[in-house]
């Protein structure tokens, strides 16, 4: 599989995931409100706005080549910004079910968050790392 084919497959997969998440944010906001940290102002509006942002980012990533890099950066930043909600969700699970309750779902989810950031940047053509051609210096 070529680099560009890999990038296309990853771009389509990521866009589908962000589109689905965006629709869920708008259609069924209650689970997202439940994991939103208390310090987030206007949580209902924030959840709705994140749903719109996910849908717009997914669409631009696959359907608007001139906005692809911008969408990729936006989705990467989004993945970084929702990390506190993911941490809160994991801590709530520990509080509700004990330390063993969080690992099967939350451990991999928290560990995978940096991969999602990279994935967005790679899929959008912002970076080729680690697959890009190495440049010799000297």
C-alpha atoms as a PDB file:
ATOM      1  CA  UNK A   1       0.000   0.000   0.000  1.00  0.00           C
ATOM      2  CA  UNK A   2       1.414   3.373  -0.964  1.00  0.00           C
ATOM      3  CA  UNK A   3       1.707   6.314   1.398  1.00  0.00           C
ATOM      4  CA  UNK A   4      -1.109   8.135  -0.394  1.00  0.00           C
ATOM      5  CA  UNK A   5      -3.389   5.081  -0.334  1.00  0.00           C
ATOM      6  CA  UNK A   6      -2.740   4.684   3.392  1.00  0.00           C
ATOM      7  CA  UNK A   7      -3.446   8.362   3.924  1.00  0.00           C
ATOM      8  CA  UNK A   8      -6.727   8.073   1.980  1.00  0.00           C
ATOM      9  CA  UNK A   9      -7.909   5.027   3.949  1.00  0.00           C
ATOM     10  CA  UNK A  10      -7.023   6.697   7.245  1.00  0.00           C
ATOM     11  CA  UNK A  11      -8.672   9.948   6.129  1.00  0.00           C
ATOM     12  CA  UNK A  12     -11.943   8.207   5.193  1.00  0.00           C
ATOM     13  CA  UNK A  13     -11.984   6.147   8.389  1.00  0.00           C
ATOM     14  CA  UNK A  14     -11.275   9.144  10.600  1.00  0.00           C
ATOM     15  CA  UNK A  15     -13.855  11.274   8.814  1.00  0.00           C
ATOM     16  CA  UNK A  16     -16.497   8.565   9.257  1.00  0.00           C
ATOM     17  CA  UNK A  17     -15.705   8.328  12.982  1.00  0.00           C
ATOM     18  CA  UNK A  18     -15.808  12.104  13.489  1.00  0.00           C
ATOM     19  CA  UNK A  19     -19.010  12.396  11.451  1.00  0.00           C
ATOM     20  CA  UNK A  20     -20.701   9.681  13.537  1.00  0.00           C
ATOM     21  CA  UNK A  21     -19.499  11.284  16.782  1.00  0.00           C
ATOM     22  CA  UNK A  22     -20.749  14.675  15.621  1.00  0.00           C
ATOM     23  CA  UNK A  23     -24.184  13.303  14.824  1.00  0.00           C
ATOM     24  CA  UNK A  24     -24.292  11.644  18.260  1.00  0.00           C
ATOM     25  CA  UNK A  25     -23.283  14.898  19.964  1.00  0.00           C
ATOM     26  CA  UNK A  26     -26.276  16.590  18.339  1.00  0.00           C
ATOM     27  CA  UNK A  27     -28.828  13.758  18.506  1.00  0.00           C
ATOM     28  CA  UNK A  28     -28.021  12.303  21.930  1.00  0.00           C
ATOM     29  CA  UNK A  29     -26.090  14.889  23.965  1.00  0.00           C
ATOM     30  CA  UNK A  30     -26.795  13.421  27.433  1.00  0.00           C
ATOM     31  CA  UNK A  31     -23.823  10.997  27.557  1.00  0.00           C
ATOM     32  CA  UNK A  32     -21.464  13.775  26.486  1.00  0.00           C
ATOM     33  CA  UNK A  33     -22.910  16.173  29.038  1.00  0.00           C
ATOM     34  CA  UNK A  34     -22.285  13.526  31.695  1.00  0.00           C
ATOM     35  CA  UNK A  35     -18.544  13.480  31.031  1.00  0.00           C
ATOM     36  CA  UNK A  36     -18.109  17.219  30.519  1.00  0.00           C
ATOM     37  CA  UNK A  37     -15.961  18.672  33.327  1.00  0.00           C
ATOM     38  CA  UNK A  38     -17.798  21.073  35.623  1.00  0.00           C
ATOM     39  CA  UNK A  39     -15.512  23.973  34.737  1.00  0.00           C
ATOM     40  CA  UNK A  40     -16.737  24.009  31.107  1.00  0.00           C
ATOM     41  CA  UNK A  41     -19.122  26.974  30.671  1.00  0.00           C
ATOM     42  CA  UNK A  42     -22.473  26.432  28.928  1.00  0.00           C
ATOM     43  CA  UNK A  43     -22.020  22.666  28.523  1.00  0.00           C
ATOM     44  CA  UNK A  44     -25.093  22.149  26.321  1.00  0.00           C
ATOM     45  CA  UNK A  45     -23.898  24.767  23.854  1.00  0.00           C
ATOM     46  CA  UNK A  46     -20.353  23.376  23.945  1.00  0.00           C
ATOM     47  CA  UNK A  47     -21.589  19.845  23.211  1.00  0.00           C
ATOM     48  CA  UNK A  48     -23.694  21.111  20.302  1.00  0.00           C
ATOM     49  CA  UNK A  49     -20.795  23.190  18.960  1.00  0.00           C
ATOM     50  CA  UNK A  50     -18.421  20.229  19.173  1.00  0.00           C
ATOM     51  CA  UNK A  51     -20.900  18.123  17.230  1.00  0.00           C
ATOM     52  CA  UNK A  52     -21.080  20.739  14.494  1.00  0.00           C
ATOM     53  CA  UNK A  53     -17.274  21.057  14.505  1.00  0.00           C
ATOM     54  CA  UNK A  54     -16.824  17.285  14.167  1.00  0.00           C
ATOM     55  CA  UNK A  55     -19.241  17.097  11.242  1.00  0.00           C
ATOM     56  CA  UNK A  56     -17.696  20.129   9.512  1.00  0.00           C
ATOM     57  CA  UNK A  57     -14.168  18.851  10.096  1.00  0.00           C
ATOM     58  CA  UNK A  58     -15.042  15.405   8.755  1.00  0.00           C
ATOM     59  CA  UNK A  59     -16.647  16.895   5.668  1.00  0.00           C
ATOM     60  CA  UNK A  60     -13.760  19.227   4.936  1.00  0.00           C
ATOM     61  CA  UNK A  61     -11.232  16.455   5.510  1.00  0.00           C
ATOM     62  CA  UNK A  62     -12.687  14.339   2.701  1.00  0.00           C
ATOM     63  CA  UNK A  63     -14.640  16.670   0.446  1.00  0.00           C
ATOM     64  CA  UNK A  64     -12.814  20.026   0.379  1.00  0.00           C
ATOM     65  CA  UNK A  65      -9.169  19.514  -0.616  1.00  0.00           C
ATOM     66  CA  UNK A  66      -8.237  23.174  -0.112  1.00  0.00           C
ATOM     67  CA  UNK A  67      -9.459  22.951   3.507  1.00  0.00           C
ATOM     68  CA  UNK A  68      -8.039  19.481   4.201  1.00  0.00           C
ATOM     69  CA  UNK A  69      -4.977  20.637   6.137  1.00  0.00           C
ATOM     70  CA  UNK A  70      -6.993  23.170   8.137  1.00  0.00           C
ATOM     71  CA  UNK A  71      -9.580  20.513   8.965  1.00  0.00           C
ATOM     72  CA  UNK A  72      -6.817  18.116  10.002  1.00  0.00           C
ATOM     73  CA  UNK A  73      -5.283  20.657  12.367  1.00  0.00           C
ATOM     74  CA  UNK A  74      -8.725  21.493  13.750  1.00  0.00           C
ATOM     75  CA  UNK A  75      -9.579  17.834  14.370  1.00  0.00           C
ATOM     76  CA  UNK A  76      -6.174  17.228  15.962  1.00  0.00           C
ATOM     77  CA  UNK A  77      -6.692  20.205  18.276  1.00  0.00           C
ATOM     78  CA  UNK A  78     -10.191  18.971  19.039  1.00  0.00           C
ATOM     79  CA  UNK A  79      -8.825  15.553  20.029  1.00  0.00           C
ATOM     80  CA  UNK A  80      -6.350  17.252  22.354  1.00  0.00           C
ATOM     81  CA  UNK A  81      -9.003  19.539  23.854  1.00  0.00           C
ATOM     82  CA  UNK A  82     -11.439  16.740  24.711  1.00  0.00           C
ATOM     83  CA  UNK A  83      -8.752  14.893  26.674  1.00  0.00           C
ATOM     84  CA  UNK A  84      -9.947  16.415  30.008  1.00  0.00           C
ATOM     85  CA  UNK A  85     -13.432  15.009  29.366  1.00  0.00           C
ATOM     86  CA  UNK A  86     -11.913  11.587  28.677  1.00  0.00           C
ATOM     87  CA  UNK A  87      -9.942  11.793  31.927  1.00  0.00           C
ATOM     88  CA  UNK A  88     -13.077  12.806  33.846  1.00  0.00           C
ATOM     89  CA  UNK A  89     -14.969   9.910  32.279  1.00  0.00           C
ATOM     90  CA  UNK A  90     -12.239   7.482  33.409  1.00  0.00           C
ATOM     91  CA  UNK A  91     -12.143   8.916  36.929  1.00  0.00           C
ATOM     92  CA  UNK A  92     -15.924   8.714  37.196  1.00  0.00           C
ATOM     93  CA  UNK A  93     -15.716   5.042  36.209  1.00  0.00           C
ATOM     94  CA  UNK A  94     -13.127   4.427  38.932  1.00  0.00           C
ATOM     95  CA  UNK A  95     -15.346   6.179  41.487  1.00  0.00           C
ATOM     96  CA  UNK A  96     -18.392   4.166  40.425  1.00  0.00           C
ATOM     97  CA  UNK A  97     -16.851   0.735  39.970  1.00  0.00           C
ATOM     98  CA  UNK A  98     -13.405   0.701  41.513  1.00  0.00           C
ATOM     99  CA  UNK A  99      -9.972   0.885  39.932  1.00  0.00           C
ATOM    100  CA  UNK A 100     -10.484  -2.284  37.870  1.00  0.00           C
ATOM    101  CA  UNK A 101     -13.575  -0.864  36.195  1.00  0.00           C
ATOM    102  CA  UNK A 102     -11.759   1.750  34.167  1.00  0.00           C
ATOM    103  CA  UNK A 103      -9.006  -0.232  32.449  1.00  0.00           C
ATOM    104  CA  UNK A 104     -10.728  -2.296  29.725  1.00  0.00           C
ATOM    105  CA  UNK A 105     -12.277   0.756  28.075  1.00  0.00           C
ATOM    106  CA  UNK A 106     -10.656   3.869  29.480  1.00  0.00           C
ATOM    107  CA  UNK A 107      -7.025   2.740  29.555  1.00  0.00           C
ATOM    108  CA  UNK A 108      -6.779   2.136  25.811  1.00  0.00           C
ATOM    109  CA  UNK A 109      -8.937   5.183  25.092  1.00  0.00           C
ATOM    110  CA  UNK A 110      -6.635   7.504  27.043  1.00  0.00           C
ATOM    111  CA  UNK A 111      -3.507   5.890  25.585  1.00  0.00           C
ATOM    112  CA  UNK A 112      -4.902   6.167  22.044  1.00  0.00           C
ATOM    113  CA  UNK A 113      -5.673   9.903  22.253  1.00  0.00           C
ATOM    114  CA  UNK A 114      -2.194  11.002  21.024  1.00  0.00           C
ATOM    115  CA  UNK A 115      -2.556   8.555  18.126  1.00  0.00           C
ATOM    116  CA  UNK A 116      -5.823  10.257  17.144  1.00  0.00           C
ATOM    117  CA  UNK A 117      -4.014  13.609  17.126  1.00  0.00           C
ATOM    118  CA  UNK A 118      -1.297  12.170  14.866  1.00  0.00           C
ATOM    119  CA  UNK A 119      -3.905  10.366  12.743  1.00  0.00           C
ATOM    120  CA  UNK A 120      -5.706  13.603  11.937  1.00  0.00           C
ATOM    121  CA  UNK A 121      -2.456  15.352  11.026  1.00  0.00           C
ATOM    122  CA  UNK A 122      -1.250  12.447   8.879  1.00  0.00           C
ATOM    123  CA  UNK A 123      -4.611  11.905   7.177  1.00  0.00           C
ATOM    124  CA  UNK A 124      -4.827  15.594   6.314  1.00  0.00           C
ATOM    125  CA  UNK A 125      -1.330  15.743   4.854  1.00  0.00           C
ATOM    126  CA  UNK A 126       0.083  17.967   7.590  1.00  0.00           C
ATOM    127  CA  UNK A 127       2.796  15.433   8.425  1.00  0.00           C
ATOM    128  CA  UNK A 128       4.364  12.370   6.824  1.00  0.00           C
ATOM    129  CA  UNK A 129       6.019  11.305  10.057  1.00  0.00           C
ATOM    130  CA  UNK A 130       7.141   8.562  10.555  1.00  0.00           C
ATOM    131  CA  UNK A 131       6.694   7.395   6.970  1.00  0.00           C
ATOM    132  CA  UNK A 132       8.202  10.345   5.165  1.00  0.00           C
ATOM    133  CA  UNK A 133      11.493  10.361   3.389  1.00  0.00           C
ATOM    134  CA  UNK A 134      14.396  11.063   5.673  1.00  0.00           C
ATOM    135  CA  UNK A 135      16.565  14.013   4.745  1.00  0.00           C
ATOM    136  CA  UNK A 136      20.295  13.742   5.374  1.00  0.00           C
ATOM    137  CA  UNK A 137      21.901  16.703   7.005  1.00  0.00           C
ATOM    138  CA  UNK A 138      25.518  17.530   6.757  1.00  0.00           C
END
